[in-house]
Amino acid sequence: MTVLVASDTPPAIRGMLKRWFVEPRANVFVGTLNRRTRDKVLEYVKRNAAGLSLLIISSEPNCQGFKIERWGEPDRRDTEMSGLWLVAEKWVEAENQPF
């Protein structure tokens, strides 16, 4: 399963995403695609949608069962620590930032 959360999606890109995904809320796309199709769709979106910000959560064979990717200018940061995906809004101490 793949979940895309987009911001400021152009109508042409939104229409293209609806071919493979269901849009339960505006700019939230959910679907089950194989890895190759998912990668090709995301390549197209990244190449043709300037200024778009994406949060991509997809199934992955790890202990949590998913991975997180971001593209564009995210408002939060994610990192993988000891095999677990963590999402941070802000860091209290600058020296402890993993990125």
PDB file of N, CA and C in Angstrom:
ATOM      1  N   MET A   1       0.840  -1.173   0.000  1.00  0.00           N
ATOM      2  CA  MET A   1       0.000   0.000   0.000  1.00  0.00           C
ATOM      3  C   MET A   1       0.887   1.238   0.000  1.00  0.00           C
ATOM      4  N   THR A   2       0.426   2.247  -0.662  1.00  0.00           N
ATOM      5  CA  THR A   2       1.135   3.520  -0.726  1.00  0.00           C
ATOM      6  C   THR A   2       0.158   4.641  -0.398  1.00  0.00           C
ATOM      7  N   VAL A   3       0.621   5.585   0.417  1.00  0.00           N
ATOM      8  CA  VAL A   3      -0.157   6.771   0.751  1.00  0.00           C
ATOM      9  C   VAL A   3       0.670   7.986   0.357  1.00  0.00           C
ATOM     10  N   LEU A   4       0.108   8.873  -0.441  1.00  0.00           N
ATOM     11  CA  LEU A   4       0.750  10.128  -0.832  1.00  0.00           C
ATOM     12  C   LEU A   4      -0.043  11.277  -0.225  1.00  0.00           C
ATOM     13  N   VAL A   5       0.664  12.171   0.430  1.00  0.00           N
ATOM     14  CA  VAL A   5       0.043  13.397   0.920  1.00  0.00           C
ATOM     15  C   VAL A   5       0.756  14.528   0.200  1.00  0.00           C
ATOM     16  N   ALA A   6       0.032  15.250  -0.613  1.00  0.00           N
ATOM     17  CA  ALA A   6       0.630  16.290  -1.452  1.00  0.00           C
ATOM     18  C   ALA A   6       0.114  17.661  -1.030  1.00  0.00           C
ATOM     19  N   SER A   7       0.854  18.684  -1.428  1.00  0.00           N
ATOM     20  CA  SER A   7       0.395  20.058  -1.196  1.00  0.00           C
ATOM     21  C   SER A   7       0.445  20.808  -2.514  1.00  0.00           C
ATOM     22  N   ASP A   8      -0.565  21.597  -2.759  1.00  0.00           N
ATOM     23  CA  ASP A   8      -0.640  22.413  -3.980  1.00  0.00           C
ATOM     24  C   ASP A   8      -0.500  21.568  -5.243  1.00  0.00           C
ATOM     25  N   THR A   9      -1.309  20.524  -5.350  1.00  0.00           N
ATOM     26  CA  THR A   9      -1.234  19.628  -6.502  1.00  0.00           C
ATOM     27  C   THR A   9      -1.917  20.267  -7.708  1.00  0.00           C
ATOM     28  N   PRO A  10      -1.197  20.416  -8.836  1.00  0.00           N
ATOM     29  CA  PRO A  10      -1.830  20.943 -10.054  1.00  0.00           C
ATOM     30  C   PRO A  10      -2.917  19.978 -10.541  1.00  0.00           C
ATOM     31  N   PRO A  11      -3.964  20.495 -11.179  1.00  0.00           N
ATOM     32  CA  PRO A  11      -5.069  19.634 -11.639  1.00  0.00           C
ATOM     33  C   PRO A  11      -4.623  18.482 -12.550  1.00  0.00           C
ATOM     34  N   ALA A  12      -3.662  18.715 -13.436  1.00  0.00           N
ATOM     35  CA  ALA A  12      -3.208  17.653 -14.344  1.00  0.00           C
ATOM     36  C   ALA A  12      -2.535  16.515 -13.571  1.00  0.00           C
ATOM     37  N   ILE A  13      -1.721  16.855 -12.584  1.00  0.00           N
ATOM     38  CA  ILE A  13      -1.045  15.837 -11.767  1.00  0.00           C
ATOM     39  C   ILE A  13      -2.067  15.110 -10.897  1.00  0.00           C
ATOM     40  N   ARG A  14      -3.006  15.845 -10.350  1.00  0.00           N
ATOM     41  CA  ARG A  14      -4.051  15.253  -9.511  1.00  0.00           C
ATOM     42  C   ARG A  14      -4.877  14.252 -10.315  1.00  0.00           C
ATOM     43  N   GLY A  15      -5.226  14.611 -11.522  1.00  0.00           N
ATOM     44  CA  GLY A  15      -5.971  13.707 -12.395  1.00  0.00           C
ATOM     45  C   GLY A  15      -5.174  12.462 -12.754  1.00  0.00           C
ATOM     46  N   MET A  16      -3.875  12.636 -13.005  1.00  0.00           N
ATOM     47  CA  MET A  16      -3.026  11.494 -13.323  1.00  0.00           C
ATOM     48  C   MET A  16      -2.912  10.552 -12.126  1.00  0.00           C
ATOM     49  N   LEU A  17      -2.782  11.095 -10.914  1.00  0.00           N
ATOM     50  CA  LEU A  17      -2.673  10.265  -9.720  1.00  0.00           C
ATOM     51  C   LEU A  17      -3.954   9.469  -9.468  1.00  0.00           C
ATOM     52  N   LYS A  18      -5.096  10.023  -9.877  1.00  0.00           N
ATOM     53  CA  LYS A  18      -6.367   9.328  -9.673  1.00  0.00           C
ATOM     54  C   LYS A  18      -6.503   8.080 -10.546  1.00  0.00           C
ATOM     55  N   ARG A  19      -5.617   7.892 -11.511  1.00  0.00           N
ATOM     56  CA  ARG A  19      -5.635   6.662 -12.304  1.00  0.00           C
ATOM     57  C   ARG A  19      -5.251   5.458 -11.454  1.00  0.00           C
ATOM     58  N   TRP A  20      -4.343   5.665 -10.512  1.00  0.00           N
ATOM     59  CA  TRP A  20      -3.816   4.560  -9.704  1.00  0.00           C
ATOM     60  C   TRP A  20      -4.216   4.631  -8.236  1.00  0.00           C
ATOM     61  N   PHE A  21      -4.656   5.782  -7.786  1.00  0.00           N
ATOM     62  CA  PHE A  21      -4.949   5.985  -6.374  1.00  0.00           C
ATOM     63  C   PHE A  21      -6.392   6.437  -6.179  1.00  0.00           C
ATOM     64  N   VAL A  22      -6.904   6.193  -4.978  1.00  0.00           N
ATOM     65  CA  VAL A  22      -8.178   6.750  -4.542  1.00  0.00           C
ATOM     66  C   VAL A  22      -7.846   8.011  -3.765  1.00  0.00           C
ATOM     67  N   GLU A  23      -8.669   9.040  -3.900  1.00  0.00           N
ATOM     68  CA  GLU A  23      -8.431  10.302  -3.201  1.00  0.00           C
ATOM     69  C   GLU A  23      -9.516  10.492  -2.134  1.00  0.00           C
ATOM     70  N   PRO A  24      -9.321   9.914  -0.913  1.00  0.00           N
ATOM     71  CA  PRO A  24     -10.358  10.027   0.112  1.00  0.00           C
ATOM     72  C   PRO A  24     -10.534  11.439   0.657  1.00  0.00           C
ATOM     73  N   ARG A  25      -9.496  12.240   0.634  1.00  0.00           N
ATOM     74  CA  ARG A  25      -9.544  13.662   0.999  1.00  0.00           C
ATOM     75  C   ARG A  25      -8.736  14.415  -0.042  1.00  0.00           C
ATOM     76  N   ALA A  26      -8.928  15.704  -0.101  1.00  0.00           N
ATOM     77  CA  ALA A  26      -8.184  16.509  -1.070  1.00  0.00           C
ATOM     78  C   ALA A  26      -6.682  16.356  -0.846  1.00  0.00           C
ATOM     79  N   ASN A  27      -5.960  16.023  -1.897  1.00  0.00           N
ATOM     80  CA  ASN A  27      -4.498  15.879  -1.914  1.00  0.00           C
ATOM     81  C   ASN A  27      -3.972  14.736  -1.051  1.00  0.00           C
ATOM     82  N   VAL A  28      -4.811  13.772  -0.715  1.00  0.00           N
ATOM     83  CA  VAL A  28      -4.383  12.537  -0.038  1.00  0.00           C
ATOM     84  C   VAL A  28      -4.747  11.394  -0.972  1.00  0.00           C
ATOM     85  N   PHE A  29      -3.742  10.621  -1.390  1.00  0.00           N
ATOM     86  CA  PHE A  29      -3.938   9.554  -2.364  1.00  0.00           C
ATOM     87  C   PHE A  29      -3.522   8.227  -1.743  1.00  0.00           C
ATOM     88  N   VAL A  30      -4.370   7.207  -1.870  1.00  0.00           N
ATOM     89  CA  VAL A  30      -4.124   5.890  -1.285  1.00  0.00           C
ATOM     90  C   VAL A  30      -4.301   4.834  -2.367  1.00  0.00           C
ATOM     91  N   GLY A  31      -3.338   3.914  -2.465  1.00  0.00           N
ATOM     92  CA  GLY A  31      -3.454   2.859  -3.455  1.00  0.00           C
ATOM     93  C   GLY A  31      -2.482   1.722  -3.205  1.00  0.00           C
ATOM     94  N   THR A  32      -2.749   0.616  -3.881  1.00  0.00           N
ATOM     95  CA  THR A  32      -1.860  -0.537  -3.817  1.00  0.00           C
ATOM     96  C   THR A  32      -1.259  -0.720  -5.203  1.00  0.00           C
ATOM     97  N   LEU A  33       0.026  -0.419  -5.306  1.00  0.00           N
ATOM     98  CA  LEU A  33       0.747  -0.519  -6.574  1.00  0.00           C
ATOM     99  C   LEU A  33       1.981  -1.381  -6.365  1.00  0.00           C
ATOM    100  N   ASN A  34       2.447  -2.002  -7.438  1.00  0.00           N
ATOM    101  CA  ASN A  34       3.726  -2.677  -7.297  1.00  0.00           C
ATOM    102  C   ASN A  34       4.837  -1.623  -7.289  1.00  0.00           C
ATOM    103  N   ARG A  35       6.013  -2.029  -6.864  1.00  0.00           N
ATOM    104  CA  ARG A  35       7.120  -1.082  -6.677  1.00  0.00           C
ATOM    105  C   ARG A  35       7.482  -0.340  -7.971  1.00  0.00           C
ATOM    106  N   ARG A  36       7.524  -1.056  -9.077  1.00  0.00           N
ATOM    107  CA  ARG A  36       7.919  -0.428 -10.344  1.00  0.00           C
ATOM    108  C   ARG A  36       6.921   0.652 -10.769  1.00  0.00           C
ATOM    109  N   THR A  37       5.636   0.348 -10.687  1.00  0.00           N
ATOM    110  CA  THR A  37       4.616   1.324 -11.057  1.00  0.00           C
ATOM    111  C   THR A  37       4.668   2.530 -10.132  1.00  0.00           C
ATOM    112  N   ARG A  38       4.800   2.278  -8.829  1.00  0.00           N
ATOM    113  CA  ARG A  38       4.895   3.377  -7.856  1.00  0.00           C
ATOM    114  C   ARG A  38       6.083   4.280  -8.166  1.00  0.00           C
ATOM    115  N   ASP A  39       7.239   3.692  -8.438  1.00  0.00           N
ATOM    116  CA  ASP A  39       8.434   4.490  -8.742  1.00  0.00           C
ATOM    117  C   ASP A  39       8.262   5.302 -10.017  1.00  0.00           C
ATOM    118  N   LYS A  40       7.646   4.710 -11.043  1.00  0.00           N
ATOM    119  CA  LYS A  40       7.417   5.439 -12.302  1.00  0.00           C
ATOM    120  C   LYS A  40       6.442   6.602 -12.098  1.00  0.00           C
ATOM    121  N   VAL A  41       5.380   6.381 -11.338  1.00  0.00           N
ATOM    122  CA  VAL A  41       4.406   7.449 -11.065  1.00  0.00           C
ATOM    123  C   VAL A  41       5.085   8.586 -10.304  1.00  0.00           C
ATOM    124  N   LEU A  42       5.864   8.243  -9.279  1.00  0.00           N
ATOM    125  CA  LEU A  42       6.534   9.278  -8.486  1.00  0.00           C
ATOM    126  C   LEU A  42       7.584  10.029  -9.299  1.00  0.00           C
ATOM    127  N   GLU A  43       8.292   9.337 -10.186  1.00  0.00           N
ATOM    128  CA  GLU A  43       9.244  10.013 -11.084  1.00  0.00           C
ATOM    129  C   GLU A  43       8.527  11.053 -11.928  1.00  0.00           C
ATOM    130  N   TYR A  44       7.389  10.667 -12.502  1.00  0.00           N
ATOM    131  CA  TYR A  44       6.617  11.581 -13.342  1.00  0.00           C
ATOM    132  C   TYR A  44       6.158  12.800 -12.543  1.00  0.00           C
ATOM    133  N   VAL A  45       5.624  12.558 -11.353  1.00  0.00           N
ATOM    134  CA  VAL A  45       5.128  13.656 -10.526  1.00  0.00           C
ATOM    135  C   VAL A  45       6.268  14.602 -10.162  1.00  0.00           C
ATOM    136  N   LYS A  46       7.389  14.074  -9.730  1.00  0.00           N
ATOM    137  CA  LYS A  46       8.524  14.908  -9.337  1.00  0.00           C
ATOM    138  C   LYS A  46       9.071  15.714 -10.510  1.00  0.00           C
ATOM    139  N   ARG A  47       9.040  15.123 -11.691  1.00  0.00           N
ATOM    140  CA  ARG A  47       9.570  15.797 -12.877  1.00  0.00           C
ATOM    141  C   ARG A  47       8.639  16.897 -13.386  1.00  0.00           C
ATOM    142  N   ASN A  48       7.338  16.742 -13.189  1.00  0.00           N
ATOM    143  CA  ASN A  48       6.372  17.649 -13.812  1.00  0.00           C
ATOM    144  C   ASN A  48       5.608  18.561 -12.863  1.00  0.00           C
ATOM    145  N   ALA A  49       5.908  18.520 -11.591  1.00  0.00           N
ATOM    146  CA  ALA A  49       5.163  19.350 -10.637  1.00  0.00           C
ATOM    147  C   ALA A  49       6.130  20.173  -9.804  1.00  0.00           C
ATOM    148  N   ALA A  50       6.537  21.297 -10.341  1.00  0.00           N
ATOM    149  CA  ALA A  50       7.446  22.193  -9.614  1.00  0.00           C
ATOM    150  C   ALA A  50       6.714  22.802  -8.422  1.00  0.00           C
ATOM    151  N   GLY A  51       7.392  22.889  -7.295  1.00  0.00           N
ATOM    152  CA  GLY A  51       6.813  23.496  -6.108  1.00  0.00           C
ATOM    153  C   GLY A  51       5.928  22.574  -5.292  1.00  0.00           C
ATOM    154  N   LEU A  52       5.785  21.330  -5.733  1.00  0.00           N
ATOM    155  CA  LEU A  52       4.950  20.368  -5.029  1.00  0.00           C
ATOM    156  C   LEU A  52       5.735  19.752  -3.877  1.00  0.00           C
ATOM    157  N   SER A  53       5.091  19.547  -2.759  1.00  0.00           N
ATOM    158  CA  SER A  53       5.686  18.877  -1.614  1.00  0.00           C
ATOM    159  C   SER A  53       4.945  17.566  -1.394  1.00  0.00           C
ATOM    160  N   LEU A  54       5.687  16.454  -1.246  1.00  0.00           N
ATOM    161  CA  LEU A  54       5.077  15.142  -1.096  1.00  0.00           C
ATOM    162  C   LEU A  54       5.544  14.446   0.172  1.00  0.00           C
ATOM    163  N   LEU A  55       4.640  13.782   0.826  1.00  0.00           N
ATOM    164  CA  LEU A  55       4.938  12.827   1.886  1.00  0.00           C
ATOM    165  C   LEU A  55       4.497  11.483   1.338  1.00  0.00           C
ATOM    166  N   ILE A  56       5.418  10.527   1.285  1.00  0.00           N
ATOM    167  CA  ILE A  56       5.149   9.220   0.700  1.00  0.00           C
ATOM    168  C   ILE A  56       5.365   8.157   1.773  1.00  0.00           C
ATOM    169  N   ILE A  57       4.331   7.421   2.080  1.00  0.00           N
ATOM    170  CA  ILE A  57       4.429   6.315   3.024  1.00  0.00           C
ATOM    171  C   ILE A  57       4.085   5.056   2.247  1.00  0.00           C
ATOM    172  N   SER A  58       5.025   4.107   2.210  1.00  0.00           N
ATOM    173  CA  SER A  58       4.803   2.902   1.422  1.00  0.00           C
ATOM    174  C   SER A  58       5.197   1.659   2.201  1.00  0.00           C
ATOM    175  N   SER A  59       4.559   0.545   1.848  1.00  0.00           N
ATOM    176  CA  SER A  59       4.845  -0.730   2.490  1.00  0.00           C
ATOM    177  C   SER A  59       6.292  -1.122   2.235  1.00  0.00           C
ATOM    178  N   GLU A  60       6.912  -1.678   3.242  1.00  0.00           N
ATOM    179  CA  GLU A  60       8.311  -2.082   3.163  1.00  0.00           C
ATOM    180  C   GLU A  60       8.517  -3.255   4.122  1.00  0.00           C
ATOM    181  N   PRO A  61       9.305  -4.248   3.730  1.00  0.00           N
ATOM    182  CA  PRO A  61       9.518  -5.391   4.622  1.00  0.00           C
ATOM    183  C   PRO A  61      10.521  -5.076   5.736  1.00  0.00           C
ATOM    184  N   ASN A  62      10.116  -4.279   6.712  1.00  0.00           N
ATOM    185  CA  ASN A  62      10.949  -3.986   7.880  1.00  0.00           C
ATOM    186  C   ASN A  62      10.096  -4.177   9.127  1.00  0.00           C
ATOM    187  N   CYS A  63      10.639  -3.898  10.298  1.00  0.00           N
ATOM    188  CA  CYS A  63       9.900  -4.180  11.531  1.00  0.00           C
ATOM    189  C   CYS A  63       8.632  -3.332  11.673  1.00  0.00           C
ATOM    190  N   GLN A  64       8.606  -2.125  11.114  1.00  0.00           N
ATOM    191  CA  GLN A  64       7.399  -1.304  11.185  1.00  0.00           C
ATOM    192  C   GLN A  64       6.428  -1.592  10.045  1.00  0.00           C
ATOM    193  N   GLY A  65       6.931  -2.165   8.960  1.00  0.00           N
ATOM    194  CA  GLY A  65       6.078  -2.498   7.827  1.00  0.00           C
ATOM    195  C   GLY A  65       5.902  -1.376   6.822  1.00  0.00           C
ATOM    196  N   PHE A  66       6.613  -0.246   6.998  1.00  0.00           N
ATOM    197  CA  PHE A  66       6.508   0.866   6.056  1.00  0.00           C
ATOM    198  C   PHE A  66       7.793   1.675   6.055  1.00  0.00           C
ATOM    199  N   LYS A  67       7.914   2.528   5.035  1.00  0.00           N
ATOM    200  CA  LYS A  67       9.000   3.510   4.997  1.00  0.00           C
ATOM    201  C   LYS A  67       8.400   4.859   4.674  1.00  0.00           C
ATOM    202  N   ILE A  68       9.111   5.896   5.063  1.00  0.00           N
ATOM    203  CA  ILE A  68       8.656   7.270   4.850  1.00  0.00           C
ATOM    204  C   ILE A  68       9.648   7.972   3.938  1.00  0.00           C
ATOM    205  N   GLU A  69       9.138   8.666   2.934  1.00  0.00           N
ATOM    206  CA  GLU A  69       9.965   9.492   2.062  1.00  0.00           C
ATOM    207  C   GLU A  69       9.316  10.868   1.980  1.00  0.00           C
ATOM    208  N   ARG A  70      10.127  11.854   1.758  1.00  0.00           N
ATOM    209  CA  ARG A  70       9.614  13.210   1.544  1.00  0.00           C
ATOM    210  C   ARG A  70      10.292  13.782   0.311  1.00  0.00           C
ATOM    211  N   TRP A  71       9.549  14.623  -0.364  1.00  0.00           N
ATOM    212  CA  TRP A  71      10.097  15.313  -1.525  1.00  0.00           C
ATOM    213  C   TRP A  71       9.566  16.732  -1.504  1.00  0.00           C
ATOM    214  N   GLY A  72      10.424  17.679  -1.816  1.00  0.00           N
ATOM    215  CA  GLY A  72      10.026  19.081  -1.786  1.00  0.00           C
ATOM    216  C   GLY A  72      10.473  19.723  -0.494  1.00  0.00           C
ATOM    217  N   GLU A  73       9.688  20.669  -0.018  1.00  0.00           N
ATOM    218  CA  GLU A  73       9.996  21.399   1.215  1.00  0.00           C
ATOM    219  C   GLU A  73       9.093  20.919   2.346  1.00  0.00           C
ATOM    220  N   PRO A  74       9.516  19.895   3.098  1.00  0.00           N
ATOM    221  CA  PRO A  74       8.658  19.396   4.171  1.00  0.00           C
ATOM    222  C   PRO A  74       8.684  20.313   5.394  1.00  0.00           C
ATOM    223  N   ASP A  75       7.597  20.291   6.161  1.00  0.00           N
ATOM    224  CA  ASP A  75       7.550  21.079   7.392  1.00  0.00           C
ATOM    225  C   ASP A  75       8.032  20.262   8.586  1.00  0.00           C
ATOM    226  N   ARG A  76       8.175  18.958   8.409  1.00  0.00           N
ATOM    227  CA  ARG A  76       8.701  18.080   9.454  1.00  0.00           C
ATOM    228  C   ARG A  76       9.832  17.256   8.876  1.00  0.00           C
ATOM    229  N   ARG A  77      10.645  16.690   9.738  1.00  0.00           N
ATOM    230  CA  ARG A  77      11.770  15.864   9.300  1.00  0.00           C
ATOM    231  C   ARG A  77      11.562  14.433   9.757  1.00  0.00           C
ATOM    232  N   ASP A  78      11.942  13.487   8.911  1.00  0.00           N
ATOM    233  CA  ASP A  78      11.900  12.094   9.321  1.00  0.00           C
ATOM    234  C   ASP A  78      13.303  11.507   9.229  1.00  0.00           C
ATOM    235  N   THR A  79      13.544  10.524  10.040  1.00  0.00           N
ATOM    236  CA  THR A  79      14.842   9.870  10.054  1.00  0.00           C
ATOM    237  C   THR A  79      14.652   8.423  10.478  1.00  0.00           C
ATOM    238  N   GLU A  80      15.571   7.586  10.055  1.00  0.00           N
ATOM    239  CA  GLU A  80      15.534   6.191  10.440  1.00  0.00           C
ATOM    240  C   GLU A  80      16.615   5.961  11.487  1.00  0.00           C
ATOM    241  N   MET A  81      16.228   5.491  12.650  1.00  0.00           N
ATOM    242  CA  MET A  81      17.179   5.219  13.735  1.00  0.00           C
ATOM    243  C   MET A  81      16.966   3.792  14.217  1.00  0.00           C
ATOM    244  N   SER A  82      18.008   3.009  14.143  1.00  0.00           N
ATOM    245  CA  SER A  82      17.951   1.608  14.592  1.00  0.00           C
ATOM    246  C   SER A  82      16.816   0.838  13.926  1.00  0.00           C
ATOM    247  N   GLY A  83      16.547   1.146  12.663  1.00  0.00           N
ATOM    248  CA  GLY A  83      15.520   0.442  11.918  1.00  0.00           C
ATOM    249  C   GLY A  83      14.113   0.963  12.106  1.00  0.00           C
ATOM    250  N   LEU A  84      13.934   2.023  12.903  1.00  0.00           N
ATOM    251  CA  LEU A  84      12.611   2.596  13.125  1.00  0.00           C
ATOM    252  C   LEU A  84      12.527   3.980  12.498  1.00  0.00           C
ATOM    253  N   TRP A  85      11.403   4.282  11.854  1.00  0.00           N
ATOM    254  CA  TRP A  85      11.183   5.603  11.282  1.00  0.00           C
ATOM    255  C   TRP A  85      10.611   6.523  12.341  1.00  0.00           C
ATOM    256  N   LEU A  86      11.235   7.669  12.514  1.00  0.00           N
ATOM    257  CA  LEU A  86      10.788   8.667  13.472  1.00  0.00           C
ATOM    258  C   LEU A  86      10.521   9.974  12.743  1.00  0.00           C
ATOM    259  N   VAL A  87       9.547  10.736  13.203  1.00  0.00           N
ATOM    260  CA  VAL A  87       9.215  12.030  12.612  1.00  0.00           C
ATOM    261  C   VAL A  87       9.347  13.085  13.694  1.00  0.00           C
ATOM    262  N   ALA A  88      10.082  14.156  13.375  1.00  0.00           N
ATOM    263  CA  ALA A  88      10.305  15.220  14.353  1.00  0.00           C
ATOM    264  C   ALA A  88       9.774  16.540  13.821  1.00  0.00           C
ATOM    265  N   GLU A  89       9.113  17.268  14.672  1.00  0.00           N
ATOM    266  CA  GLU A  89       8.664  18.612  14.317  1.00  0.00           C
ATOM    267  C   GLU A  89       9.791  19.607  14.506  1.00  0.00           C
ATOM    268  N   LYS A  90      10.548  19.441  15.603  1.00  0.00           N
ATOM    269  CA  LYS A  90      11.707  20.289  15.847  1.00  0.00           C
ATOM    270  C   LYS A  90      12.612  19.576  16.846  1.00  0.00           C
ATOM    271  N   TRP A  91      13.853  19.990  16.885  1.00  0.00           N
ATOM    272  CA  TRP A  91      14.822  19.402  17.794  1.00  0.00           C
ATOM    273  C   TRP A  91      15.126  20.404  18.895  1.00  0.00           C
ATOM    274  N   VAL A  92      15.177  19.925  20.120  1.00  0.00           N
ATOM    275  CA  VAL A  92      15.445  20.786  21.256  1.00  0.00           C
ATOM    276  C   VAL A  92      16.899  21.228  21.265  1.00  0.00           C
ATOM    277  N   GLU A  93      17.813  20.273  21.043  1.00  0.00           N
ATOM    278  CA  GLU A  93      19.242  20.566  21.052  1.00  0.00           C
ATOM    279  C   GLU A  93      19.806  20.374  19.658  1.00  0.00           C
ATOM    280  N   ALA A  94      20.452  21.392  19.127  1.00  0.00           N
ATOM    281  CA  ALA A  94      20.964  21.351  17.760  1.00  0.00           C
ATOM    282  C   ALA A  94      22.003  20.253  17.575  1.00  0.00           C
ATOM    283  N   GLU A  95      22.812  19.971  18.576  1.00  0.00           N
ATOM    284  CA  GLU A  95      23.875  18.972  18.419  1.00  0.00           C
ATOM    285  C   GLU A  95      23.328  17.531  18.331  1.00  0.00           C
ATOM    286  N   ASN A  96      22.071  17.320  18.693  1.00  0.00           N
ATOM    287  CA  ASN A  96      21.477  15.982  18.636  1.00  0.00           C
ATOM    288  C   ASN A  96      20.741  15.716  17.326  1.00  0.00           C
ATOM    289  N   GLN A  97      20.752  16.637  16.403  1.00  0.00           N
ATOM    290  CA  GLN A  97      20.037  16.456  15.144  1.00  0.00           C
ATOM    291  C   GLN A  97      20.723  15.376  14.316  1.00  0.00           C
ATOM    292  N   PRO A  98      19.958  14.387  13.816  1.00  0.00           N
ATOM    293  CA  PRO A  98      20.557  13.321  13.009  1.00  0.00           C
ATOM    294  C   PRO A  98      20.792  13.715  11.560  1.00  0.00           C
ATOM    295  N   PHE A  99      20.374  14.894  11.121  1.00  0.00           N
ATOM    296  CA  PHE A  99      20.537  15.302   9.714  1.00  0.00           C
ATOM    297  C   PHE A  99      21.156  16.652   9.622  1.00  0.00           C
TER     298      PHE A  99
END
